[in-house]
Amino acid sequence: MSAQAGEKPAHVVRVIESQMPADRQAAAVEVCIAAVENKTVIREIAAYVKKEYDKRYPSNGKATDGVYHCVCGTHFASAVSHECHGYIHVKVDQLHMIIFKSRDSPFDGEAESV
């Protein structure tokens, strides 16, 4: 099926691996598609996904609650530690995106170096 004049072509979306509940998995796919449609640079796509997912599923404010991360690219390998039910690997067209929630704070290293 081809796109009509003025319409955007449909994206080829595949969930490679998911350990998220169905509602969060659907939200991740929606956010990943929006990122690909709104951003062009891979770093900006990853930042968009992370910020959007943090907005939808905010932390409860405790340091042990964890934060979301996003890794994007066309060719990469990854090994991450993540919270239970806090990992998804989505492929939109040729771009792979991994969203995961980690209990590690990105500010832990700064506190130690002071």
PDB file of N, CA and C in Angstrom:
ATOM      1  N   MET A   1       0.839  -1.171   0.000  1.00  0.00           N
ATOM      2  CA  MET A   1       0.000   0.000   0.000  1.00  0.00           C
ATOM      3  C   MET A   1       0.886   1.236   0.000  1.00  0.00           C
ATOM      4  N   SER A   2       0.652   2.167  -0.902  1.00  0.00           N
ATOM      5  CA  SER A   2       1.450   3.382  -0.956  1.00  0.00           C
ATOM      6  C   SER A   2       0.697   4.529  -0.300  1.00  0.00           C
ATOM      7  N   ALA A   3       1.441   5.529   0.149  1.00  0.00           N
ATOM      8  CA  ALA A   3       0.840   6.674   0.820  1.00  0.00           C
ATOM      9  C   ALA A   3       0.229   7.608  -0.217  1.00  0.00           C
ATOM     10  N   GLN A   4      -0.907   8.166   0.103  1.00  0.00           N
ATOM     11  CA  GLN A   4      -1.558   9.156  -0.741  1.00  0.00           C
ATOM     12  C   GLN A   4      -0.767  10.460  -0.681  1.00  0.00           C
ATOM     13  N   ALA A   5      -0.988  11.359  -1.633  1.00  0.00           N
ATOM     14  CA  ALA A   5      -0.308  12.649  -1.635  1.00  0.00           C
ATOM     15  C   ALA A   5      -0.637  13.390  -0.342  1.00  0.00           C
ATOM     16  N   GLY A   6       0.396  13.869   0.355  1.00  0.00           N
ATOM     17  CA  GLY A   6       0.202  14.608   1.597  1.00  0.00           C
ATOM     18  C   GLY A   6       0.191  13.726   2.837  1.00  0.00           C
ATOM     19  N   GLU A   7       0.073  12.412   2.670  1.00  0.00           N
ATOM     20  CA  GLU A   7       0.071  11.501   3.818  1.00  0.00           C
ATOM     21  C   GLU A   7       1.485  11.000   4.074  1.00  0.00           C
ATOM     22  N   LYS A   8       1.769  10.751   5.353  1.00  0.00           N
ATOM     23  CA  LYS A   8       3.055  10.168   5.708  1.00  0.00           C
ATOM     24  C   LYS A   8       2.970   8.658   5.547  1.00  0.00           C
ATOM     25  N   PRO A   9       4.029   8.051   5.043  1.00  0.00           N
ATOM     26  CA  PRO A   9       4.005   6.587   4.928  1.00  0.00           C
ATOM     27  C   PRO A   9       4.000   5.959   6.325  1.00  0.00           C
ATOM     28  N   ALA A  10       3.376   4.814   6.434  1.00  0.00           N
ATOM     29  CA  ALA A  10       3.338   4.106   7.706  1.00  0.00           C
ATOM     30  C   ALA A  10       4.734   3.600   8.047  1.00  0.00           C
ATOM     31  N   HIS A  11       5.027   3.593   9.323  1.00  0.00           N
ATOM     32  CA  HIS A  11       6.318   3.081   9.785  1.00  0.00           C
ATOM     33  C   HIS A  11       6.228   1.579  10.002  1.00  0.00           C
ATOM     34  N   VAL A  12       7.331   0.910   9.795  1.00  0.00           N
ATOM     35  CA  VAL A  12       7.430  -0.504  10.100  1.00  0.00           C
ATOM     36  C   VAL A  12       7.910  -0.593  11.546  1.00  0.00           C
ATOM     37  N   VAL A  13       7.029  -1.060  12.425  1.00  0.00           N
ATOM     38  CA  VAL A  13       7.326  -1.107  13.856  1.00  0.00           C
ATOM     39  C   VAL A  13       7.334  -2.552  14.316  1.00  0.00           C
ATOM     40  N   ARG A  14       8.378  -2.904  15.070  1.00  0.00           N
ATOM     41  CA  ARG A  14       8.480  -4.259  15.601  1.00  0.00           C
ATOM     42  C   ARG A  14       8.984  -4.196  17.037  1.00  0.00           C
ATOM     43  N   VAL A  15       8.291  -4.846  17.943  1.00  0.00           N
ATOM     44  CA  VAL A  15       8.763  -4.960  19.319  1.00  0.00           C
ATOM     45  C   VAL A  15       9.659  -6.193  19.357  1.00  0.00           C
ATOM     46  N   ILE A  16      10.949  -5.972  19.569  1.00  0.00           N
ATOM     47  CA  ILE A  16      11.928  -7.057  19.580  1.00  0.00           C
ATOM     48  C   ILE A  16      11.832  -7.837  20.890  1.00  0.00           C
ATOM     49  N   GLU A  17      11.802  -7.117  22.004  1.00  0.00           N
ATOM     50  CA  GLU A  17      11.734  -7.727  23.333  1.00  0.00           C
ATOM     51  C   GLU A  17      11.037  -6.742  24.257  1.00  0.00           C
ATOM     52  N   SER A  18      10.162  -7.240  25.098  1.00  0.00           N
ATOM     53  CA  SER A  18       9.495  -6.370  26.054  1.00  0.00           C
ATOM     54  C   SER A  18       9.284  -7.092  27.367  1.00  0.00           C
ATOM     55  N   GLN A  19       9.569  -6.392  28.434  1.00  0.00           N
ATOM     56  CA  GLN A  19       9.265  -6.879  29.768  1.00  0.00           C
ATOM     57  C   GLN A  19       8.381  -5.862  30.473  1.00  0.00           C
ATOM     58  N   MET A  20       7.636  -5.088  29.699  1.00  0.00           N
ATOM     59  CA  MET A  20       6.736  -4.070  30.232  1.00  0.00           C
ATOM     60  C   MET A  20       5.297  -4.551  30.148  1.00  0.00           C
ATOM     61  N   PRO A  21       4.451  -4.022  31.033  1.00  0.00           N
ATOM     62  CA  PRO A  21       3.020  -4.302  30.894  1.00  0.00           C
ATOM     63  C   PRO A  21       2.508  -3.756  29.555  1.00  0.00           C
ATOM     64  N   ALA A  22       1.404  -4.281  29.084  1.00  0.00           N
ATOM     65  CA  ALA A  22       0.871  -3.925  27.763  1.00  0.00           C
ATOM     66  C   ALA A  22       0.647  -2.424  27.589  1.00  0.00           C
ATOM     67  N   ASP A  23       0.159  -1.736  28.616  1.00  0.00           N
ATOM     68  CA  ASP A  23      -0.103  -0.302  28.484  1.00  0.00           C
ATOM     69  C   ASP A  23       1.188   0.495  28.311  1.00  0.00           C
ATOM     70  N   ARG A  24       2.222   0.142  29.054  1.00  0.00           N
ATOM     71  CA  ARG A  24       3.505   0.840  28.909  1.00  0.00           C
ATOM     72  C   ARG A  24       4.191   0.464  27.599  1.00  0.00           C
ATOM     73  N   GLN A  25       3.995  -0.749  27.145  1.00  0.00           N
ATOM     74  CA  GLN A  25       4.552  -1.164  25.860  1.00  0.00           C
ATOM     75  C   GLN A  25       3.911  -0.359  24.738  1.00  0.00           C
ATOM     76  N   ALA A  26       2.599  -0.201  24.782  1.00  0.00           N
ATOM     77  CA  ALA A  26       1.905   0.597  23.758  1.00  0.00           C
ATOM     78  C   ALA A  26       2.361   2.050  23.805  1.00  0.00           C
ATOM     79  N   ALA A  27       2.563   2.590  25.010  1.00  0.00           N
ATOM     80  CA  ALA A  27       3.041   3.971  25.148  1.00  0.00           C
ATOM     81  C   ALA A  27       4.449   4.110  24.576  1.00  0.00           C
ATOM     82  N   ALA A  28       5.292   3.107  24.806  1.00  0.00           N
ATOM     83  CA  ALA A  28       6.663   3.148  24.283  1.00  0.00           C
ATOM     84  C   ALA A  28       6.664   3.170  22.759  1.00  0.00           C
ATOM     85  N   VAL A  29       5.843   2.342  22.155  1.00  0.00           N
ATOM     86  CA  VAL A  29       5.754   2.307  20.692  1.00  0.00           C
ATOM     87  C   VAL A  29       5.265   3.657  20.174  1.00  0.00           C
ATOM     88  N   GLU A  30       4.261   4.219  20.811  1.00  0.00           N
ATOM     89  CA  GLU A  30       3.712   5.524  20.414  1.00  0.00           C
ATOM     90  C   GLU A  30       4.780   6.620  20.514  1.00  0.00           C
ATOM     91  N   VAL A  31       5.522   6.633  21.617  1.00  0.00           N
ATOM     92  CA  VAL A  31       6.568   7.641  21.823  1.00  0.00           C
ATOM     93  C   VAL A  31       7.704   7.458  20.811  1.00  0.00           C
ATOM     94  N   CYS A  32       8.084   6.237  20.528  1.00  0.00           N
ATOM     95  CA  CYS A  32       9.159   5.982  19.567  1.00  0.00           C
ATOM     96  C   CYS A  32       8.777   6.445  18.165  1.00  0.00           C
ATOM     97  N   ILE A  33       7.547   6.194  17.771  1.00  0.00           N
ATOM     98  CA  ILE A  33       7.082   6.656  16.455  1.00  0.00           C
ATOM     99  C   ILE A  33       7.082   8.177  16.402  1.00  0.00           C
ATOM    100  N   ALA A  34       6.579   8.822  17.452  1.00  0.00           N
ATOM    101  CA  ALA A  34       6.552  10.289  17.499  1.00  0.00           C
ATOM    102  C   ALA A  34       7.967  10.855  17.427  1.00  0.00           C
ATOM    103  N   ALA A  35       8.914  10.206  18.091  1.00  0.00           N
ATOM    104  CA  ALA A  35      10.302  10.675  18.072  1.00  0.00           C
ATOM    105  C   ALA A  35      10.878  10.625  16.661  1.00  0.00           C
ATOM    106  N   VAL A  36      10.639   9.538  15.957  1.00  0.00           N
ATOM    107  CA  VAL A  36      11.150   9.383  14.593  1.00  0.00           C
ATOM    108  C   VAL A  36      10.509  10.416  13.665  1.00  0.00           C
ATOM    109  N   GLU A  37       9.256  10.726  13.896  1.00  0.00           N
ATOM    110  CA  GLU A  37       8.569  11.693  13.042  1.00  0.00           C
ATOM    111  C   GLU A  37       8.961  13.140  13.344  1.00  0.00           C
ATOM    112  N   ASN A  38       9.374  13.427  14.597  1.00  0.00           N
ATOM    113  CA  ASN A  38       9.652  14.806  15.001  1.00  0.00           C
ATOM    114  C   ASN A  38      11.126  15.182  15.043  1.00  0.00           C
ATOM    115  N   LYS A  39      12.012  14.204  15.115  1.00  0.00           N
ATOM    116  CA  LYS A  39      13.450  14.477  15.231  1.00  0.00           C
ATOM    117  C   LYS A  39      14.203  13.750  14.125  1.00  0.00           C
ATOM    118  N   THR A  40      15.398  14.249  13.803  1.00  0.00           N
ATOM    119  CA  THR A  40      16.185  13.618  12.753  1.00  0.00           C
ATOM    120  C   THR A  40      17.529  13.099  13.241  1.00  0.00           C
ATOM    121  N   VAL A  41      18.094  13.715  14.265  1.00  0.00           N
ATOM    122  CA  VAL A  41      19.391  13.310  14.807  1.00  0.00           C
ATOM    123  C   VAL A  41      19.158  12.244  15.877  1.00  0.00           C
ATOM    124  N   ILE A  42      19.939  11.174  15.843  1.00  0.00           N
ATOM    125  CA  ILE A  42      19.735  10.051  16.761  1.00  0.00           C
ATOM    126  C   ILE A  42      19.790  10.491  18.218  1.00  0.00           C
ATOM    127  N   ARG A  43      20.718  11.348  18.559  1.00  0.00           N
ATOM    128  CA  ARG A  43      20.821  11.832  19.943  1.00  0.00           C
ATOM    129  C   ARG A  43      19.544  12.558  20.365  1.00  0.00           C
ATOM    130  N   GLU A  44      18.967  13.346  19.461  1.00  0.00           N
ATOM    131  CA  GLU A  44      17.719  14.061  19.758  1.00  0.00           C
ATOM    132  C   GLU A  44      16.542  13.097  19.884  1.00  0.00           C
ATOM    133  N   ILE A  45      16.541  12.040  19.081  1.00  0.00           N
ATOM    134  CA  ILE A  45      15.493  11.024  19.166  1.00  0.00           C
ATOM    135  C   ILE A  45      15.532  10.360  20.537  1.00  0.00           C
ATOM    136  N   ALA A  46      16.733   9.969  20.982  1.00  0.00           N
ATOM    137  CA  ALA A  46      16.879   9.329  22.296  1.00  0.00           C
ATOM    138  C   ALA A  46      16.442  10.267  23.413  1.00  0.00           C
ATOM    139  N   ALA A  47      16.843  11.526  23.344  1.00  0.00           N
ATOM    140  CA  ALA A  47      16.465  12.504  24.375  1.00  0.00           C
ATOM    141  C   ALA A  47      14.954  12.714  24.394  1.00  0.00           C
ATOM    142  N   TYR A  48      14.347  12.790  23.222  1.00  0.00           N
ATOM    143  CA  TYR A  48      12.896  12.968  23.123  1.00  0.00           C
ATOM    144  C   TYR A  48      12.170  11.789  23.774  1.00  0.00           C
ATOM    145  N   VAL A  49      12.594  10.566  23.455  1.00  0.00           N
ATOM    146  CA  VAL A  49      11.951   9.375  24.011  1.00  0.00           C
ATOM    147  C   VAL A  49      12.081   9.367  25.531  1.00  0.00           C
ATOM    148  N   LYS A  50      13.272   9.626  26.039  1.00  0.00           N
ATOM    149  CA  LYS A  50      13.500   9.626  27.483  1.00  0.00           C
ATOM    150  C   LYS A  50      12.632  10.663  28.179  1.00  0.00           C
ATOM    151  N   LYS A  51      12.634  11.893  27.668  1.00  0.00           N
ATOM    152  CA  LYS A  51      11.857  12.963  28.303  1.00  0.00           C
ATOM    153  C   LYS A  51      10.364  12.684  28.244  1.00  0.00           C
ATOM    154  N   GLU A  52       9.903  12.193  27.121  1.00  0.00           N
ATOM    155  CA  GLU A  52       8.478  11.906  26.967  1.00  0.00           C
ATOM    156  C   GLU A  52       8.053  10.761  27.885  1.00  0.00           C
ATOM    157  N   TYR A  53       8.882   9.750  27.991  1.00  0.00           N
ATOM    158  CA  TYR A  53       8.558   8.611  28.861  1.00  0.00           C
ATOM    159  C   TYR A  53       8.605   9.032  30.328  1.00  0.00           C
ATOM    160  N   ASP A  54       9.554   9.894  30.696  1.00  0.00           N
ATOM    161  CA  ASP A  54       9.605  10.431  32.066  1.00  0.00           C
ATOM    162  C   ASP A  54       8.358  11.255  32.381  1.00  0.00           C
ATOM    163  N   LYS A  55       7.848  11.982  31.381  1.00  0.00           N
ATOM    164  CA  LYS A  55       6.613  12.761  31.588  1.00  0.00           C
ATOM    165  C   LYS A  55       5.422  11.849  31.836  1.00  0.00           C
ATOM    166  N   ARG A  56       5.331  10.793  31.065  1.00  0.00           N
ATOM    167  CA  ARG A  56       4.192   9.874  31.185  1.00  0.00           C
ATOM    168  C   ARG A  56       4.242   9.040  32.454  1.00  0.00           C
ATOM    169  N   TYR A  57       5.449   8.672  32.867  1.00  0.00           N
ATOM    170  CA  TYR A  57       5.628   7.810  34.041  1.00  0.00           C
ATOM    171  C   TYR A  57       6.659   8.441  34.972  1.00  0.00           C
ATOM    172  N   PRO A  58       6.268   9.523  35.671  1.00  0.00           N
ATOM    173  CA  PRO A  58       7.229  10.250  36.509  1.00  0.00           C
ATOM    174  C   PRO A  58       7.663   9.445  37.735  1.00  0.00           C
ATOM    175  N   SER A  59       8.821   9.802  38.232  1.00  0.00           N
ATOM    176  CA  SER A  59       9.372   9.210  39.446  1.00  0.00           C
ATOM    177  C   SER A  59       8.546   9.679  40.640  1.00  0.00           C
ATOM    178  N   ASN A  60       8.553   8.894  41.701  1.00  0.00           N
ATOM    179  CA  ASN A  60       7.831   9.311  42.898  1.00  0.00           C
ATOM    180  C   ASN A  60       8.677  10.228  43.765  1.00  0.00           C
ATOM    181  N   GLY A  61       9.854  10.597  43.293  1.00  0.00           N
ATOM    182  CA  GLY A  61      10.703  11.538  44.010  1.00  0.00           C
ATOM    183  C   GLY A  61      11.744  10.897  44.903  1.00  0.00           C
ATOM    184  N   LYS A  62      11.648   9.601  45.138  1.00  0.00           N
ATOM    185  CA  LYS A  62      12.638   8.921  45.967  1.00  0.00           C
ATOM    186  C   LYS A  62      13.875   8.599  45.128  1.00  0.00           C
ATOM    187  N   ALA A  63      15.029   8.667  45.765  1.00  0.00           N
ATOM    188  CA  ALA A  63      16.280   8.391  45.061  1.00  0.00           C
ATOM    189  C   ALA A  63      16.332   6.957  44.557  1.00  0.00           C
ATOM    190  N   THR A  64      15.647   6.046  45.231  1.00  0.00           N
ATOM    191  CA  THR A  64      15.687   4.632  44.839  1.00  0.00           C
ATOM    192  C   THR A  64      14.650   4.283  43.776  1.00  0.00           C
ATOM    193  N   ASP A  65      13.840   5.244  43.357  1.00  0.00           N
ATOM    194  CA  ASP A  65      12.796   4.964  42.371  1.00  0.00           C
ATOM    195  C   ASP A  65      13.373   4.710  40.988  1.00  0.00           C
ATOM    196  N   GLY A  66      14.467   5.339  40.662  1.00  0.00           N
ATOM    197  CA  GLY A  66      15.096   5.118  39.364  1.00  0.00           C
ATOM    198  C   GLY A  66      14.665   6.104  38.306  1.00  0.00           C
ATOM    199  N   VAL A  67      15.338   6.034  37.189  1.00  0.00           N
ATOM    200  CA  VAL A  67      15.077   6.930  36.071  1.00  0.00           C
ATOM    201  C   VAL A  67      15.053   6.119  34.780  1.00  0.00           C
ATOM    202  N   TYR A  68      14.407   6.667  33.750  1.00  0.00           N
ATOM    203  CA  TYR A  68      14.367   6.021  32.444  1.00  0.00           C
ATOM    204  C   TYR A  68      15.559   6.461  31.605  1.00  0.00           C
ATOM    205  N   HIS A  69      15.991   5.577  30.736  1.00  0.00           N
ATOM    206  CA  HIS A  69      17.080   5.837  29.802  1.00  0.00           C
ATOM    207  C   HIS A  69      16.623   5.363  28.425  1.00  0.00           C
ATOM    208  N   CYS A  70      17.243   5.905  27.377  1.00  0.00           N
ATOM    209  CA  CYS A  70      16.947   5.461  26.018  1.00  0.00           C
ATOM    210  C   CYS A  70      18.240   5.388  25.226  1.00  0.00           C
ATOM    211  N   VAL A  71      18.413   4.282  24.535  1.00  0.00           N
ATOM    212  CA  VAL A  71      19.567   4.080  23.652  1.00  0.00           C
ATOM    213  C   VAL A  71      19.006   3.886  22.247  1.00  0.00           C
ATOM    214  N   CYS A  72      19.527   4.638  21.285  1.00  0.00           N
ATOM    215  CA  CYS A  72      19.054   4.544  19.895  1.00  0.00           C
ATOM    216  C   CYS A  72      20.227   4.333  18.952  1.00  0.00           C
ATOM    217  N   GLY A  73      19.959   3.663  17.860  1.00  0.00           N
ATOM    218  CA  GLY A  73      20.970   3.516  16.831  1.00  0.00           C
ATOM    219  C   GLY A  73      20.564   2.477  15.810  1.00  0.00           C
ATOM    220  N   THR A  74      21.347   2.388  14.753  1.00  0.00           N
ATOM    221  CA  THR A  74      21.069   1.399  13.721  1.00  0.00           C
ATOM    222  C   THR A  74      21.913   0.147  13.909  1.00  0.00           C
ATOM    223  N   HIS A  75      23.094   0.293  14.504  1.00  0.00           N
ATOM    224  CA  HIS A  75      23.983  -0.842  14.753  1.00  0.00           C
ATOM    225  C   HIS A  75      24.666  -0.626  16.093  1.00  0.00           C
ATOM    226  N   PHE A  76      24.317  -1.409  17.090  1.00  0.00           N
ATOM    227  CA  PHE A  76      24.991  -1.330  18.378  1.00  0.00           C
ATOM    228  C   PHE A  76      24.686  -2.579  19.184  1.00  0.00           C
ATOM    229  N   ALA A  77      25.474  -2.784  20.214  1.00  0.00           N
ATOM    230  CA  ALA A  77      25.226  -3.857  21.168  1.00  0.00           C
ATOM    231  C   ALA A  77      25.019  -3.207  22.521  1.00  0.00           C
ATOM    232  N   SER A  78      24.244  -3.864  23.359  1.00  0.00           N
ATOM    233  CA  SER A  78      23.939  -3.259  24.644  1.00  0.00           C
ATOM    234  C   SER A  78      23.723  -4.328  25.697  1.00  0.00           C
ATOM    235  N   ALA A  79      24.175  -4.052  26.901  1.00  0.00           N
ATOM    236  CA  ALA A  79      23.893  -4.886  28.064  1.00  0.00           C
ATOM    237  C   ALA A  79      23.562  -3.921  29.190  1.00  0.00           C
ATOM    238  N   VAL A  80      22.338  -3.980  29.704  1.00  0.00           N
ATOM    239  CA  VAL A  80      21.904  -3.034  30.730  1.00  0.00           C
ATOM    240  C   VAL A  80      21.292  -3.771  31.908  1.00  0.00           C
ATOM    241  N   SER A  81      21.389  -3.155  33.067  1.00  0.00           N
ATOM    242  CA  SER A  81      20.672  -3.630  34.248  1.00  0.00           C
ATOM    243  C   SER A  81      19.431  -2.772  34.370  1.00  0.00           C
ATOM    244  N   HIS A  82      18.284  -3.411  34.553  1.00  0.00           N
ATOM    245  CA  HIS A  82      17.041  -2.647  34.572  1.00  0.00           C
ATOM    246  C   HIS A  82      16.097  -3.190  35.634  1.00  0.00           C
ATOM    247  N   GLU A  83      15.126  -2.368  35.973  1.00  0.00           N
ATOM    248  CA  GLU A  83      14.094  -2.757  36.919  1.00  0.00           C
ATOM    249  C   GLU A  83      13.186  -3.810  36.280  1.00  0.00           C
ATOM    250  N   CYS A  84      12.569  -4.644  37.109  1.00  0.00           N
ATOM    251  CA  CYS A  84      11.587  -5.616  36.610  1.00  0.00           C
ATOM    252  C   CYS A  84      10.477  -4.865  35.894  1.00  0.00           C
ATOM    253  N   HIS A  85      10.046  -5.375  34.783  1.00  0.00           N
ATOM    254  CA  HIS A  85       8.974  -4.772  33.977  1.00  0.00           C
ATOM    255  C   HIS A  85       9.349  -3.368  33.503  1.00  0.00           C
ATOM    256  N   GLY A  86      10.643  -3.115  33.325  1.00  0.00           N
ATOM    257  CA  GLY A  86      11.089  -1.788  32.914  1.00  0.00           C
ATOM    258  C   GLY A  86      12.030  -1.816  31.735  1.00  0.00           C
ATOM    259  N   TYR A  87      11.766  -2.676  30.725  1.00  0.00           N
ATOM    260  CA  TYR A  87      12.650  -2.796  29.568  1.00  0.00           C
ATOM    261  C   TYR A  87      11.835  -3.060  28.319  1.00  0.00           C
ATOM    262  N   ILE A  88      12.183  -2.353  27.241  1.00  0.00           N
ATOM    263  CA  ILE A  88      11.591  -2.649  25.935  1.00  0.00           C
ATOM    264  C   ILE A  88      12.602  -2.307  24.845  1.00  0.00           C
ATOM    265  N   HIS A  89      12.633  -3.133  23.808  1.00  0.00           N
ATOM    266  CA  HIS A  89      13.481  -2.915  22.634  1.00  0.00           C
ATOM    267  C   HIS A  89      12.533  -2.844  21.439  1.00  0.00           C
ATOM    268  N   VAL A  90      12.474  -1.680  20.822  1.00  0.00           N
ATOM    269  CA  VAL A  90      11.562  -1.426  19.701  1.00  0.00           C
ATOM    270  C   VAL A  90      12.387  -1.068  18.473  1.00  0.00           C
ATOM    271  N   LYS A  91      11.944  -1.530  17.314  1.00  0.00           N
ATOM    272  CA  LYS A  91      12.568  -1.147  16.048  1.00  0.00           C
ATOM    273  C   LYS A  91      11.524  -0.401  15.230  1.00  0.00           C
ATOM    274  N   VAL A  92      11.831   0.850  14.884  1.00  0.00           N
ATOM    275  CA  VAL A  92      10.962   1.652  14.024  1.00  0.00           C
ATOM    276  C   VAL A  92      11.734   1.886  12.736  1.00  0.00           C
ATOM    277  N   ASP A  93      11.224   1.347  11.656  1.00  0.00           N
ATOM    278  CA  ASP A  93      11.917   1.354  10.373  1.00  0.00           C
ATOM    279  C   ASP A  93      13.282   0.683  10.570  1.00  0.00           C
ATOM    280  N   GLN A  94      14.394   1.405  10.422  1.00  0.00           N
ATOM    281  CA  GLN A  94      15.725   0.815  10.599  1.00  0.00           C
ATOM    282  C   GLN A  94      16.385   1.214  11.915  1.00  0.00           C
ATOM    283  N   LEU A  95      15.670   1.960  12.766  1.00  0.00           N
ATOM    284  CA  LEU A  95      16.235   2.488  14.007  1.00  0.00           C
ATOM    285  C   LEU A  95      15.801   1.650  15.204  1.00  0.00           C
ATOM    286  N   HIS A  96      16.782   1.124  15.940  1.00  0.00           N
ATOM    287  CA  HIS A  96      16.508   0.368  17.158  1.00  0.00           C
ATOM    288  C   HIS A  96      16.483   1.329  18.342  1.00  0.00           C
ATOM    289  N   MET A  97      15.534   1.123  19.269  1.00  0.00           N
ATOM    290  CA  MET A  97      15.442   1.942  20.469  1.00  0.00           C
ATOM    291  C   MET A  97      15.226   1.039  21.671  1.00  0.00           C
ATOM    292  N   ILE A  98      16.035   1.246  22.689  1.00  0.00           N
ATOM    293  CA  ILE A  98      15.889   0.517  23.937  1.00  0.00           C
ATOM    294  C   ILE A  98      15.522   1.526  25.011  1.00  0.00           C
ATOM    295  N   ILE A  99      14.415   1.281  25.687  1.00  0.00           N
ATOM    296  CA  ILE A  99      13.997   2.105  26.822  1.00  0.00           C
ATOM    297  C   ILE A  99      14.080   1.206  28.044  1.00  0.00           C
ATOM    298  N   PHE A 100      14.745   1.701  29.084  1.00  0.00           N
ATOM    299  CA  PHE A 100      14.820   0.908  30.305  1.00  0.00           C
ATOM    300  C   PHE A 100      14.857   1.815  31.529  1.00  0.00           C
ATOM    301  N   LYS A 101      14.373   1.269  32.617  1.00  0.00           N
ATOM    302  CA  LYS A 101      14.367   1.996  33.877  1.00  0.00           C
ATOM    303  C   LYS A 101      15.437   1.389  34.768  1.00  0.00           C
ATOM    304  N   SER A 102      16.312   2.256  35.266  1.00  0.00           N
ATOM    305  CA  SER A 102      17.409   1.823  36.121  1.00  0.00           C
ATOM    306  C   SER A 102      17.299   2.510  37.463  1.00  0.00           C
ATOM    307  N   ARG A 103      17.610   1.786  38.502  1.00  0.00           N
ATOM    308  CA  ARG A 103      17.573   2.368  39.833  1.00  0.00           C
ATOM    309  C   ARG A 103      18.770   3.268  40.082  1.00  0.00           C
ATOM    310  N   ASP A 104      19.806   3.129  39.283  1.00  0.00           N
ATOM    311  CA  ASP A 104      20.990   3.961  39.445  1.00  0.00           C
ATOM    312  C   ASP A 104      20.671   5.399  39.080  1.00  0.00           C
ATOM    313  N   SER A 105      21.116   6.312  39.896  1.00  0.00           N
ATOM    314  CA  SER A 105      20.929   7.721  39.608  1.00  0.00           C
ATOM    315  C   SER A 105      22.079   8.191  38.723  1.00  0.00           C
ATOM    316  N   PRO A 106      21.806   9.028  37.723  1.00  0.00           N
ATOM    317  CA  PRO A 106      22.889   9.531  36.881  1.00  0.00           C
ATOM    318  C   PRO A 106      23.802  10.476  37.647  1.00  0.00           C
ATOM    319  N   PHE A 107      23.414  10.858  38.869  1.00  0.00           N
ATOM    320  CA  PHE A 107      24.184  11.811  39.659  1.00  0.00           C
ATOM    321  C   PHE A 107      25.041  11.118  40.721  1.00  0.00           C
ATOM    322  N   ASP A 108      25.013   9.784  40.812  1.00  0.00           N
ATOM    323  CA  ASP A 108      25.783   9.062  41.813  1.00  0.00           C
ATOM    324  C   ASP A 108      27.278   9.308  41.666  1.00  0.00           C
ATOM    325  N   GLY A 109      27.792   9.316  40.454  1.00  0.00           N
ATOM    326  CA  GLY A 109      29.210   9.522  40.213  1.00  0.00           C
ATOM    327  C   GLY A 109      29.678  10.898  40.640  1.00  0.00           C
ATOM    328  N   GLU A 110      28.829  11.908  40.487  1.00  0.00           N
ATOM    329  CA  GLU A 110      29.192  13.269  40.879  1.00  0.00           C
ATOM    330  C   GLU A 110      29.352  13.369  42.386  1.00  0.00           C
ATOM    331  N   ALA A 111      28.504  12.693  43.134  1.00  0.00           N
ATOM    332  CA  ALA A 111      28.561  12.766  44.586  1.00  0.00           C
ATOM    333  C   ALA A 111      29.860  12.156  45.111  1.00  0.00           C
ATOM    334  N   GLU A 112      30.335  11.104  44.477  1.00  0.00           N
ATOM    335  CA  GLU A 112      31.552  10.445  44.916  1.00  0.00           C
ATOM    336  C   GLU A 112      32.800  11.259  44.628  1.00  0.00           C
ATOM    337  N   SER A 113      32.788  12.043  43.548  1.00  0.00           N
ATOM    338  CA  SER A 113      33.979  12.774  43.157  1.00  0.00           C
ATOM    339  C   SER A 113      34.151  14.074  43.916  1.00  0.00           C
ATOM    340  N   VAL A 114      33.176  14.472  44.698  1.00  0.00           N
ATOM    341  CA  VAL A 114      33.258  15.739  45.439  1.00  0.00           C
ATOM    342  C   VAL A 114      34.173  15.615  46.615  1.00  0.00           C
TER     343      VAL A 114
END
